[in-house]
């Protein structure tokens, strides 16, 4: 995991390529083969002639991977958020988001025309309070149940959502629960199927009221986004998700690359095992150096700096030592909560992590 910067080779802890699959020879070969078969682009929107066999194969594989009835792929995760929330909510409906939900989810909620409410981060009781308030309108003839939006693994804090509790409360309220698995796919779960893996296992499949959203651009090492859900939800997005309807389809080569990456998550489980071991090592090492590390077990490790100036100074000091860890500042996070965001990959070695820990204490 190295970059070229001003003619120097830099050790990078900034990528979301968690399993190092973007450079895997088989992923690259799958993309090349599709490029030769289909050309560089899809050529049209999915409902015209843009939906190719590579898309259909990937959607089938994603549905099986997430244990859902159906799946849909998009040119980006951002478009997946806009299309799904725009299709599932409208001016007469309400979307309830975790306050730390990604900007794409917030934008999708706002652009949908729905009422937008937020609840305290990972606070199930606060979410339930908002759902109960919305439930007072259930007897109205035009009442439509809310859509609750969360992430399974939060990209800036590195903490996981209490998905079983959230799903149970949403189901009791008759609400849809949309879970963004962008940073969890390939990382969380017993076999790397994401934060929803255990819920799907307990129910035999992804529950009907749960929608899994994700990206092909992080652990899957490619480019694009996806939705896994019931057939009804997928059909609704296909026919009324404007960001899906009116955009050229995902490049076939990207779809083929992501399909191969999905296969490799199962075929090479040692990548995930190595990644999680590195996470434990780095977290313990940073804590031993008395740095303020937010709790968690994921490969996203926030080291709290406080002020924007401190975070920037830390990042620049590491860069001078040949290590890049980005400073995350306002408006990405609240003022006073600036941090360094260490992002680990299976492509890192123990030697790489030792260099990071050595640099962090200088």
Protein backbone atom coordinates (compact mmCIF):
# COMPACT_ATOMS: atom_id res chain seq x y z
CA UNK A 1 0.00 0.00 0.00
CA UNK A 2 2.38 2.65 -1.30
CA UNK A 3 2.07 5.93 -3.17
CA UNK A 4 4.43 8.17 -5.10
CA UNK A 5 4.62 11.69 -3.64
CA UNK A 6 7.13 14.33 -4.79
CA UNK A 7 9.31 11.57 -6.16
CA UNK A 8 9.26 9.62 -2.87
CA UNK A 9 7.62 6.30 -2.11
CA UNK A 10 5.11 6.84 0.70
CA UNK A 11 3.53 4.17 2.92
CA UNK A 12 -0.21 4.88 2.78
CA UNK A 13 -2.83 4.26 5.46
CA UNK A 14 -5.58 6.10 3.59
CA UNK A 15 -7.16 3.59 1.19
CA UNK A 16 -10.53 1.85 1.60
CA UNK A 17 -9.22 -1.15 -0.37
CA UNK A 18 -9.55 -3.22 2.81
CA UNK A 19 -8.65 -6.63 1.37
CA UNK A 20 -6.18 -5.36 -1.22
CA UNK A 21 -8.29 -6.77 -4.04
CA UNK A 22 -8.03 -3.81 -6.43
CA UNK A 23 -4.58 -5.06 -7.49
CA UNK A 24 -5.31 -8.79 -7.30
CA UNK A 25 -4.23 -10.44 -10.59
CA UNK A 26 -7.54 -12.31 -10.96
CA UNK A 27 -9.61 -9.14 -10.41
CA UNK A 28 -7.53 -7.31 -13.01
CA UNK A 29 -7.83 -10.26 -15.43
CA UNK A 30 -11.62 -10.31 -15.05
CA UNK A 31 -11.79 -6.59 -15.84
CA UNK A 32 -9.51 -6.99 -18.87
CA UNK A 33 -11.59 -9.85 -20.26
CA UNK A 34 -14.81 -7.84 -19.93
CA UNK A 35 -13.12 -4.83 -21.50
CA UNK A 36 -12.22 -6.93 -24.52
CA UNK A 37 -15.76 -8.35 -24.76
CA UNK A 38 -17.84 -5.22 -24.17
CA UNK A 39 -15.61 -2.19 -24.66
CA UNK A 40 -14.88 0.63 -22.23
CA UNK A 41 -18.44 1.65 -21.37
CA UNK A 42 -21.99 0.31 -21.11
CA UNK A 43 -23.20 2.62 -23.86
CA UNK A 44 -26.65 3.46 -22.45
CA UNK A 45 -28.82 3.53 -19.36
CA UNK A 46 -29.74 0.12 -17.90
CA UNK A 47 -33.31 0.09 -19.22
CA UNK A 48 -32.23 0.86 -22.80
CA UNK A 49 -29.30 -1.40 -23.76
CA UNK A 50 -26.86 -0.67 -20.91
CA UNK A 51 -27.62 -3.72 -18.78
CA UNK A 52 -25.11 -6.37 -19.89
CA UNK A 53 -24.55 -10.01 -18.87
CA UNK A 54 -21.75 -8.82 -16.54
CA UNK A 55 -24.30 -6.74 -14.61
CA UNK A 56 -26.77 -9.62 -14.38
CA UNK A 57 -24.04 -12.00 -13.16
CA UNK A 58 -22.87 -9.51 -10.53
CA UNK A 59 -26.42 -8.83 -9.32
CA UNK A 60 -27.07 -12.54 -8.96
CA UNK A 61 -23.81 -13.00 -7.04
CA UNK A 62 -24.54 -10.03 -4.76
CA UNK A 63 -28.03 -11.32 -3.95
CA UNK A 64 -26.56 -14.69 -3.03
CA UNK A 65 -23.72 -13.09 -1.05
CA UNK A 66 -26.09 -10.87 0.97
CA UNK A 67 -28.82 -13.56 1.12
CA UNK A 68 -31.39 -11.23 -0.44
CA UNK A 69 -34.12 -11.87 -3.00
CA UNK A 70 -32.63 -9.52 -5.59
CA UNK A 71 -29.91 -6.94 -6.23
CA UNK A 72 -29.24 -3.92 -8.40
CA UNK A 73 -25.91 -2.28 -9.36
CA UNK A 74 -25.11 1.39 -10.00
CA UNK A 75 -22.18 3.42 -11.36
CA UNK A 76 -21.41 4.64 -7.80
CA UNK A 77 -22.46 4.16 -4.20
CA UNK A 78 -23.60 7.76 -4.17
CA UNK A 79 -26.05 7.04 -6.98
CA UNK A 80 -27.29 3.96 -5.13
CA UNK A 81 -28.18 6.19 -2.18
CA UNK A 82 -29.92 8.82 -4.32
CA UNK A 83 -31.84 6.29 -6.40
CA UNK A 84 -33.02 4.13 -3.52
CA UNK A 85 -34.08 6.91 -1.16
CA UNK A 86 -35.67 8.86 -3.98
CA UNK A 87 -37.72 5.82 -4.97
CA UNK A 88 -38.62 4.62 -1.48
CA UNK A 89 -39.64 7.96 -0.01
CA UNK A 90 -41.51 11.00 -1.28
CA UNK A 91 -42.99 14.31 -0.20
CA UNK A 92 -45.59 12.66 2.06
CA UNK A 93 -43.09 10.40 3.84
CA UNK A 94 -40.34 10.61 6.45
CA UNK A 95 -36.73 9.46 6.42
CA UNK A 96 -35.06 9.01 9.81
CA UNK A 97 -31.26 8.97 9.76
CA UNK A 98 -28.51 8.29 12.25
CA UNK A 99 -26.77 11.63 12.79
CA UNK A 100 -23.45 10.23 11.57
CA UNK A 101 -24.87 8.77 8.36
CA UNK A 102 -22.75 9.39 5.27
CA UNK A 103 -23.23 12.54 3.21
CA UNK A 104 -24.62 10.53 0.27
CA UNK A 105 -27.40 9.20 2.52
CA UNK A 106 -28.21 12.65 3.84
CA UNK A 107 -28.23 14.09 0.31
CA UNK A 108 -30.44 11.25 -0.92
CA UNK A 109 -32.87 11.88 1.94
CA UNK A 110 -33.02 15.63 1.30
CA UNK A 111 -33.41 15.25 -2.47
CA UNK A 112 -36.18 12.68 -2.07
CA UNK A 113 -38.60 15.37 -0.92
CA UNK A 114 -39.35 13.47 2.28
CA UNK A 115 -39.34 14.96 5.76
CA UNK A 116 -35.90 14.32 7.24
CA UNK A 117 -35.37 13.56 10.92
CA UNK A 118 -32.16 12.49 12.69
CA UNK A 119 -31.53 10.48 15.86
CA UNK A 120 -28.55 10.31 18.20
CA UNK A 121 -25.75 8.14 16.88
CA UNK A 122 -26.41 4.42 17.48
CA UNK A 123 -29.16 5.34 19.98
CA UNK A 124 -31.95 2.79 19.45
CA UNK A 125 -34.22 4.44 22.03
CA UNK A 126 -33.97 7.80 20.28
CA UNK A 127 -34.78 6.18 16.94
CA UNK A 128 -37.77 4.43 18.51
CA UNK A 129 -38.97 7.76 19.93
CA UNK A 130 -39.00 9.29 16.45
CA UNK A 131 -40.78 6.28 15.00
CA UNK A 132 -43.45 6.48 17.70
CA UNK A 133 -43.97 10.16 16.88
CA UNK A 134 -44.44 9.30 13.21
CA UNK A 135 -46.77 6.47 14.19
CA UNK A 136 -49.35 8.90 15.51
CA UNK A 137 -50.24 9.59 11.87
CA UNK A 138 -50.94 5.95 11.03
CA UNK A 139 -54.69 6.46 10.85
CA UNK A 140 -54.29 9.12 8.18
CA UNK A 141 -55.36 7.83 4.73
CA UNK A 142 -52.07 8.86 3.07
CA UNK A 143 -49.77 7.60 5.83
CA UNK A 144 -46.68 5.74 4.61
CA UNK A 145 -44.26 4.14 7.06
CA UNK A 146 -40.88 5.87 7.47
CA UNK A 147 -37.54 4.73 6.12
CA UNK A 148 -34.79 4.44 8.75
CA UNK A 149 -31.24 4.91 7.43
CA UNK A 150 -28.06 3.77 9.19
CA UNK A 151 -24.59 2.44 8.41
CA UNK A 152 -23.37 -0.92 9.66
CA UNK A 153 -19.79 0.36 10.04
CA UNK A 154 -19.27 4.11 10.34
CA UNK A 155 -16.48 5.45 8.19
CA UNK A 156 -15.16 8.19 10.47
CA UNK A 157 -15.64 6.67 13.94
CA UNK A 158 -15.01 3.03 12.97
CA UNK A 159 -17.82 1.76 15.20
CA UNK A 160 -20.58 -0.72 14.34
CA UNK A 161 -24.35 -0.22 14.57
CA UNK A 162 -26.58 -2.39 16.80
CA UNK A 163 -28.31 -3.81 13.75
CA UNK A 164 -30.35 -6.55 15.45
CA UNK A 165 -31.98 -4.02 17.78
CA UNK A 166 -32.48 -1.45 15.02
CA UNK A 167 -34.09 -4.05 12.76
CA UNK A 168 -36.44 -5.25 15.50
CA UNK A 169 -37.61 -1.71 16.34
CA UNK A 170 -38.06 -0.84 12.66
CA UNK A 171 -40.08 -4.01 12.05
CA UNK A 172 -42.34 -3.32 15.04
CA UNK A 173 -43.01 0.16 13.67
CA UNK A 174 -43.67 -1.11 10.14
CA UNK A 175 -40.67 0.86 8.85
CA UNK A 176 -38.06 0.00 6.24
CA UNK A 177 -34.47 -0.14 7.50
CA UNK A 178 -31.83 0.81 4.92
CA UNK A 179 -28.33 -0.22 6.04
CA UNK A 180 -25.28 1.12 4.24
CA UNK A 181 -22.73 -1.72 4.22
CA UNK A 182 -20.11 0.29 2.31
CA UNK A 183 -17.32 -0.20 4.86
CA UNK A 184 -18.60 -3.50 6.27
CA UNK A 185 -18.83 -5.70 3.19
CA UNK A 186 -15.86 -8.05 3.18
CA UNK A 187 -14.85 -6.93 6.68
CA UNK A 188 -17.63 -7.61 9.20
CA UNK A 189 -19.57 -10.83 9.76
CA UNK A 190 -18.48 -14.40 10.32
CA UNK A 191 -17.56 -14.85 6.65
CA UNK A 192 -17.15 -11.20 5.64
CA UNK A 193 -20.66 -10.68 4.33
CA UNK A 194 -21.08 -7.50 6.33
CA UNK A 195 -22.85 -6.30 9.43
CA UNK A 196 -26.12 -7.85 8.28
CA UNK A 197 -24.69 -11.36 7.94
CA UNK A 198 -25.87 -12.57 11.35
CA UNK A 199 -29.35 -11.09 10.91
CA UNK A 200 -29.72 -12.80 7.53
CA UNK A 201 -28.46 -16.08 9.00
CA UNK A 202 -30.98 -15.96 11.85
CA UNK A 203 -33.89 -15.31 9.46
CA UNK A 204 -32.69 -17.62 6.70
CA UNK A 205 -32.37 -14.60 4.40
CA UNK A 206 -32.29 -10.81 4.57
CA UNK A 207 -35.57 -9.75 6.24
CA UNK A 208 -38.15 -8.20 3.89
CA UNK A 209 -38.09 -4.85 5.71
CA UNK A 210 -34.28 -4.54 5.50
CA UNK A 211 -32.44 -3.01 2.52
CA UNK A 212 -28.68 -3.49 2.20
CA UNK A 213 -26.80 -0.79 0.34
CA UNK A 214 -23.12 -0.91 -0.47
CA UNK A 215 -20.27 -0.05 -2.77
CA UNK A 216 -18.09 -1.93 -5.22
CA UNK A 217 -15.38 0.69 -4.73
CA UNK A 218 -13.92 -0.30 -1.36
CA UNK A 219 -13.40 -3.93 -0.30
CA UNK A 220 -14.49 -5.19 -3.72
CA UNK A 221 -11.67 -3.19 -5.30
CA UNK A 222 -13.68 -1.95 -8.27
CA UNK A 223 -16.08 0.93 -8.97
CA UNK A 224 -19.82 1.26 -8.40
CA UNK A 225 -22.59 0.69 -5.89
CA UNK A 226 -25.36 -1.80 -5.13
CA UNK A 227 -28.68 -2.40 -3.42
CA UNK A 228 -29.74 -5.83 -2.11
CA UNK A 229 -33.37 -6.17 -1.03
CA UNK A 230 -36.74 -7.77 -1.67
CA UNK A 231 -37.97 -8.05 -5.25
CA UNK A 232 -40.58 -5.37 -4.54
CA UNK A 233 -37.97 -2.87 -3.35
CA UNK A 234 -35.68 -3.59 -6.31
CA UNK A 235 -38.55 -3.25 -8.80
CA UNK A 236 -39.56 0.05 -7.19
CA UNK A 237 -36.04 1.44 -7.63
CA UNK A 238 -35.78 0.17 -11.22
CA UNK A 239 -38.99 1.91 -12.23
CA UNK A 240 -38.80 5.12 -10.18
CA UNK A 241 -35.21 5.63 -9.02
CA UNK A 242 -34.22 8.58 -11.20
CA UNK A 243 -30.48 8.22 -10.47
CA UNK A 244 -30.76 4.68 -11.87
CA UNK A 245 -33.12 5.39 -14.76
CA UNK A 246 -31.32 8.40 -16.19
CA UNK A 247 -27.66 7.44 -15.89
CA UNK A 248 -25.46 5.32 -18.12
CA UNK A 249 -25.00 1.89 -16.58
CA UNK A 250 -21.92 0.76 -14.70
CA UNK A 251 -18.97 -0.12 -16.96
CA UNK A 252 -19.05 -3.89 -17.66
CA UNK A 253 -15.37 -4.22 -16.75
CA UNK A 254 -16.09 -2.80 -13.27
CA UNK A 255 -18.95 -5.28 -12.84
CA UNK A 256 -16.74 -8.21 -13.85
CA UNK A 257 -13.96 -7.09 -11.49
CA UNK A 258 -16.38 -6.82 -8.56
CA UNK A 259 -17.83 -10.25 -9.36
CA UNK A 260 -14.37 -11.81 -9.13
CA UNK A 261 -13.63 -9.92 -5.91
CA UNK A 262 -16.79 -11.36 -4.35
CA UNK A 263 -15.55 -14.85 -5.18
CA UNK A 264 -12.15 -14.10 -3.66
CA UNK A 265 -13.65 -13.04 -0.32
CA UNK A 266 -14.66 -16.69 0.11
CA UNK A 267 -11.69 -18.22 -1.70
CA UNK A 268 -9.03 -16.30 0.24
CA UNK A 269 -10.35 -15.82 3.81
CA UNK A 270 -6.79 -15.36 5.06
CA UNK A 271 -6.90 -11.80 3.72
CA UNK A 272 -9.63 -10.84 6.17
CA UNK A 273 -7.99 -12.77 9.02
CA UNK A 274 -4.73 -10.89 8.39
CA UNK A 275 -6.56 -7.54 8.23
CA UNK A 276 -8.32 -8.03 11.56
CA UNK A 277 -5.10 -9.18 13.21
CA UNK A 278 -3.37 -6.01 12.01
CA UNK A 279 -6.25 -3.96 13.41
CA UNK A 280 -5.80 -5.50 16.85
CA UNK A 281 -2.04 -4.89 16.74
CA UNK A 282 -2.29 -1.26 15.67
CA UNK A 283 -5.09 -0.42 18.09
CA UNK A 284 -3.13 -1.91 20.99
CA UNK A 285 0.06 -0.15 19.90
CA UNK A 286 -1.58 3.26 19.61
CA UNK A 287 -3.30 2.84 22.98
CA UNK A 288 0.04 1.87 24.57
CA UNK A 289 1.41 5.19 23.31
CA UNK A 290 -1.36 7.00 25.24
CA UNK A 291 -3.11 8.21 22.08
CA UNK A 292 -6.87 8.74 22.14
CA UNK A 293 -8.18 5.96 19.89
CA UNK A 294 -11.92 5.53 19.50
CA UNK A 295 -13.04 2.02 20.55
CA UNK A 296 -13.78 -0.65 17.98
CA UNK A 297 -12.41 -3.71 16.21
CA UNK A 298 -12.58 -2.62 12.57
CA UNK A 299 -9.67 -1.59 10.30
CA UNK A 300 -10.90 2.02 10.53
CA UNK A 301 -8.95 3.48 13.46
CA UNK A 302 -9.64 7.13 14.41
CA UNK A 303 -6.91 8.80 16.46
CA UNK A 304 -8.49 11.85 18.03
CA UNK A 305 -6.51 15.10 17.79
CA UNK A 306 -9.16 17.65 18.78
CA UNK A 307 -8.31 20.75 16.81
CA UNK A 308 -7.94 20.99 13.05
CA UNK A 309 -4.45 22.46 13.52
CA UNK A 310 -3.28 19.51 15.63
CA UNK A 311 -4.64 16.92 13.21
CA UNK A 312 -2.97 18.66 10.27
CA UNK A 313 0.34 18.94 12.13
CA UNK A 314 0.29 15.22 13.02
CA UNK A 315 -0.47 14.24 9.42
CA UNK A 316 2.30 16.46 8.06
CA UNK A 317 4.81 15.12 10.58
CA UNK A 318 4.06 11.54 9.54
CA UNK A 319 4.32 12.48 5.88
CA UNK A 320 7.81 13.83 6.46
CA UNK A 321 8.66 10.36 7.78
CA UNK A 322 7.26 8.72 4.65
CA UNK A 323 3.85 7.74 6.08
CA UNK A 324 0.53 9.13 4.90
CA UNK A 325 -2.42 9.18 7.30
CA UNK A 326 -5.07 11.76 6.33
CA UNK A 327 -6.24 14.44 8.75
CA UNK A 328 -10.04 14.41 8.94
CA UNK A 329 -11.40 17.85 9.79
CA UNK A 330 -14.53 19.98 9.75
CA UNK A 331 -16.92 19.78 7.89
CA UNK A 332 -16.37 16.01 7.51
CA UNK A 333 -16.51 15.79 11.31
CA UNK A 334 -17.68 18.29 13.91
CA UNK A 335 -15.42 21.14 14.99
CA UNK A 336 -13.24 20.04 17.88
CA UNK A 337 -13.35 16.39 16.75
CA UNK A 338 -10.57 16.45 14.17
CA UNK A 339 -8.61 13.23 13.90
CA UNK A 340 -6.20 11.10 11.97
CA UNK A 341 -8.02 8.25 10.25
CA UNK A 342 -5.85 5.16 10.00
CA UNK A 343 -7.26 2.83 7.35
CA UNK A 344 -5.70 -0.63 7.27
CA UNK A 345 -5.61 -3.08 4.39
CA UNK A 346 -4.73 -6.72 3.97
CA UNK A 347 -2.04 -5.32 1.67
CA UNK A 348 -0.20 -3.97 4.72
CA UNK A 349 2.42 -6.05 6.46
CA UNK A 350 3.38 -6.25 10.13
CA UNK A 351 6.50 -4.27 9.20
CA UNK A 352 4.32 -1.53 7.70
CA UNK A 353 2.28 -1.32 10.90
CA UNK A 354 5.43 -1.26 13.04
CA UNK A 355 6.63 1.72 10.97
CA UNK A 356 3.32 3.47 11.58
CA UNK A 357 3.51 2.91 15.34
CA UNK A 358 7.12 4.07 15.44
CA UNK A 359 6.21 7.22 13.52
CA UNK A 360 3.23 7.89 15.77
CA UNK A 361 5.38 8.21 18.89
CA UNK A 362 7.99 10.57 17.44
